[in-house]
């Protein structure tokens, strides 16, 4: 019943922007996060936001990415500006609602 669905990924040139969105259903989420996983690398936390709006960012994306949540619509977004080739990865939405739930992922590719 709990479901997270990402959208907004795609191909963008270095320096460009993308906005990822995660539509959640079936639960009340105390924490929502974005992770990413590049080929050959472990999945890493990109950004997280709790119910009070407190945010956490990976050092690599600070100043470029912004996470936000809209609990009325049960969505979480990740605004990504100043994208770099090293941001290329599959981005996953994670929600905590009793258990830990993951979306299917959306591909972000940043070309040089």
C-alpha atoms as a PDB file:
ATOM      1  CA  UNK A   1       0.000   0.000   0.000  1.00  0.00           C
ATOM      2  CA  UNK A   2       2.905   2.343   0.670  1.00  0.00           C
ATOM      3  CA  UNK A   3       4.267   3.643  -2.589  1.00  0.00           C
ATOM      4  CA  UNK A   4       6.826   6.211  -3.679  1.00  0.00           C
ATOM      5  CA  UNK A   5       7.075   7.211  -7.325  1.00  0.00           C
ATOM      6  CA  UNK A   6       9.849   9.451  -8.635  1.00  0.00           C
ATOM      7  CA  UNK A   7       9.711  11.619 -11.720  1.00  0.00           C
ATOM      8  CA  UNK A   8      11.663  14.429 -13.338  1.00  0.00           C
ATOM      9  CA  UNK A   9      14.914  12.731 -14.243  1.00  0.00           C
ATOM     10  CA  UNK A  10      16.516  13.151 -17.616  1.00  0.00           C
ATOM     11  CA  UNK A  11      19.514  14.335 -19.579  1.00  0.00           C
ATOM     12  CA  UNK A  12      20.901  17.802 -18.952  1.00  0.00           C
ATOM     13  CA  UNK A  13      24.098  19.649 -19.778  1.00  0.00           C
ATOM     14  CA  UNK A  14      26.561  20.616 -17.084  1.00  0.00           C
ATOM     15  CA  UNK A  15      25.406  23.758 -15.332  1.00  0.00           C
ATOM     16  CA  UNK A  16      21.770  23.014 -15.998  1.00  0.00           C
ATOM     17  CA  UNK A  17      18.925  22.279 -13.624  1.00  0.00           C
ATOM     18  CA  UNK A  18      16.416  19.544 -12.950  1.00  0.00           C
ATOM     19  CA  UNK A  19      13.612  19.150 -10.473  1.00  0.00           C
ATOM     20  CA  UNK A  20      12.855  15.701  -9.146  1.00  0.00           C
ATOM     21  CA  UNK A  21       9.525  14.911  -7.578  1.00  0.00           C
ATOM     22  CA  UNK A  22       8.432  12.005  -5.421  1.00  0.00           C
ATOM     23  CA  UNK A  23       4.743  11.255  -5.048  1.00  0.00           C
ATOM     24  CA  UNK A  24       3.989   9.291  -1.898  1.00  0.00           C
ATOM     25  CA  UNK A  25       0.900   7.393  -0.893  1.00  0.00           C
ATOM     26  CA  UNK A  26      -0.273   4.937   1.723  1.00  0.00           C
ATOM     27  CA  UNK A  27       1.511   6.339   4.753  1.00  0.00           C
ATOM     28  CA  UNK A  28       2.410   9.241   6.994  1.00  0.00           C
ATOM     29  CA  UNK A  29       6.095   9.877   6.489  1.00  0.00           C
ATOM     30  CA  UNK A  30       8.213  11.204   9.332  1.00  0.00           C
ATOM     31  CA  UNK A  31      11.284  11.551   7.148  1.00  0.00           C
ATOM     32  CA  UNK A  32      11.717  11.892   3.421  1.00  0.00           C
ATOM     33  CA  UNK A  33      15.034  11.665   1.669  1.00  0.00           C
ATOM     34  CA  UNK A  34      16.742  11.517  -1.675  1.00  0.00           C
ATOM     35  CA  UNK A  35      19.542   9.058  -2.309  1.00  0.00           C
ATOM     36  CA  UNK A  36      21.571   8.414  -5.412  1.00  0.00           C
ATOM     37  CA  UNK A  37      23.647   5.582  -6.764  1.00  0.00           C
ATOM     38  CA  UNK A  38      26.176   5.830  -9.554  1.00  0.00           C
ATOM     39  CA  UNK A  39      27.502   2.748 -11.371  1.00  0.00           C
ATOM     40  CA  UNK A  40      30.041   0.917  -9.250  1.00  0.00           C
ATOM     41  CA  UNK A  41      29.335   3.026  -6.181  1.00  0.00           C
ATOM     42  CA  UNK A  42      27.294   2.566  -3.035  1.00  0.00           C
ATOM     43  CA  UNK A  43      24.000   4.320  -2.602  1.00  0.00           C
ATOM     44  CA  UNK A  44      24.542   7.617  -0.812  1.00  0.00           C
ATOM     45  CA  UNK A  45      22.337  10.139   0.932  1.00  0.00           C
ATOM     46  CA  UNK A  46      21.834  13.325  -1.058  1.00  0.00           C
ATOM     47  CA  UNK A  47      19.348  15.222   1.085  1.00  0.00           C
ATOM     48  CA  UNK A  48      16.785  14.603   3.803  1.00  0.00           C
ATOM     49  CA  UNK A  49      13.964  16.537   5.398  1.00  0.00           C
ATOM     50  CA  UNK A  50      12.013  15.729   8.546  1.00  0.00           C
ATOM     51  CA  UNK A  51       8.501  16.670   9.631  1.00  0.00           C
ATOM     52  CA  UNK A  52       9.619  20.001  11.091  1.00  0.00           C
ATOM     53  CA  UNK A  53      11.370  21.013   7.879  1.00  0.00           C
ATOM     54  CA  UNK A  54      14.909  20.458   9.106  1.00  0.00           C
ATOM     55  CA  UNK A  55      17.147  19.531   6.195  1.00  0.00           C
ATOM     56  CA  UNK A  56      20.395  17.671   5.737  1.00  0.00           C
ATOM     57  CA  UNK A  57      22.583  17.710   2.634  1.00  0.00           C
ATOM     58  CA  UNK A  58      25.582  15.822   1.442  1.00  0.00           C
ATOM     59  CA  UNK A  59      28.628  18.062   1.245  1.00  0.00           C
ATOM     60  CA  UNK A  60      28.873  17.467  -2.489  1.00  0.00           C
ATOM     61  CA  UNK A  61      25.498  19.081  -3.168  1.00  0.00           C
ATOM     62  CA  UNK A  62      25.321  21.856  -0.575  1.00  0.00           C
ATOM     63  CA  UNK A  63      24.489  25.172  -2.159  1.00  0.00           C
ATOM     64  CA  UNK A  64      23.253  23.516  -5.339  1.00  0.00           C
ATOM     65  CA  UNK A  65      20.409  21.204  -4.298  1.00  0.00           C
ATOM     66  CA  UNK A  66      17.319  22.019  -2.266  1.00  0.00           C
ATOM     67  CA  UNK A  67      14.919  19.506  -0.749  1.00  0.00           C
ATOM     68  CA  UNK A  68      11.368  20.397   0.212  1.00  0.00           C
ATOM     69  CA  UNK A  69       8.177  18.624   1.195  1.00  0.00           C
ATOM     70  CA  UNK A  70       4.502  19.353   0.770  1.00  0.00           C
ATOM     71  CA  UNK A  71       2.606  17.190   3.217  1.00  0.00           C
ATOM     72  CA  UNK A  72      -0.782  18.358   1.935  1.00  0.00           C
ATOM     73  CA  UNK A  73       0.082  16.735  -1.375  1.00  0.00           C
ATOM     74  CA  UNK A  74       2.358  14.116   0.181  1.00  0.00           C
ATOM     75  CA  UNK A  75       5.239  14.960  -2.100  1.00  0.00           C
ATOM     76  CA  UNK A  76       8.925  15.653  -1.729  1.00  0.00           C
ATOM     77  CA  UNK A  77      10.992  17.465  -4.315  1.00  0.00           C
ATOM     78  CA  UNK A  78      14.658  17.928  -5.042  1.00  0.00           C
ATOM     79  CA  UNK A  79      15.610  21.057  -6.945  1.00  0.00           C
ATOM     80  CA  UNK A  80      19.016  20.529  -8.522  1.00  0.00           C
ATOM     81  CA  UNK A  81      20.908  23.519  -9.868  1.00  0.00           C
ATOM     82  CA  UNK A  82      24.406  23.843 -11.233  1.00  0.00           C
ATOM     83  CA  UNK A  83      24.502  20.174 -12.162  1.00  0.00           C
ATOM     84  CA  UNK A  84      27.855  18.513 -12.688  1.00  0.00           C
ATOM     85  CA  UNK A  85      28.775  15.323 -14.542  1.00  0.00           C
ATOM     86  CA  UNK A  86      29.578  13.713 -11.193  1.00  0.00           C
ATOM     87  CA  UNK A  87      25.910  14.127 -10.244  1.00  0.00           C
ATOM     88  CA  UNK A  88      25.037  11.467 -12.809  1.00  0.00           C
ATOM     89  CA  UNK A  89      23.267   8.654 -10.984  1.00  0.00           C
ATOM     90  CA  UNK A  90      19.970   6.971 -10.370  1.00  0.00           C
ATOM     91  CA  UNK A  91      18.130   9.031  -7.789  1.00  0.00           C
ATOM     92  CA  UNK A  92      15.862   7.293  -5.300  1.00  0.00           C
ATOM     93  CA  UNK A  93      13.182   8.673  -3.045  1.00  0.00           C
ATOM     94  CA  UNK A  94      13.045   7.203   0.461  1.00  0.00           C
ATOM     95  CA  UNK A  95      10.280   7.573   2.995  1.00  0.00           C
ATOM     96  CA  UNK A  96       9.986   6.402   6.583  1.00  0.00           C
ATOM     97  CA  UNK A  97       6.441   5.494   7.571  1.00  0.00           C
ATOM     98  CA  UNK A  98       6.650   2.733  10.140  1.00  0.00           C
ATOM     99  CA  UNK A  99       9.098   1.005   7.838  1.00  0.00           C
ATOM    100  CA  UNK A 100      11.552   2.207   5.225  1.00  0.00           C
ATOM    101  CA  UNK A 101      10.231   2.500   1.690  1.00  0.00           C
ATOM    102  CA  UNK A 102      11.930   3.219  -1.608  1.00  0.00           C
ATOM    103  CA  UNK A 103      10.845   4.457  -4.976  1.00  0.00           C
ATOM    104  CA  UNK A 104      11.924   2.779  -8.183  1.00  0.00           C
ATOM    105  CA  UNK A 105      14.484   5.432  -9.037  1.00  0.00           C
ATOM    106  CA  UNK A 106      14.854   7.981 -11.807  1.00  0.00           C
ATOM    107  CA  UNK A 107      17.931   8.427 -13.977  1.00  0.00           C
ATOM    108  CA  UNK A 108      19.772  11.743 -13.981  1.00  0.00           C
ATOM    109  CA  UNK A 109      22.501  12.130 -16.579  1.00  0.00           C
ATOM    110  CA  UNK A 110      24.647  15.254 -16.758  1.00  0.00           C
ATOM    111  CA  UNK A 111      26.749  15.682 -19.870  1.00  0.00           C
ATOM    112  CA  UNK A 112      29.993  17.625 -20.090  1.00  0.00           C
END
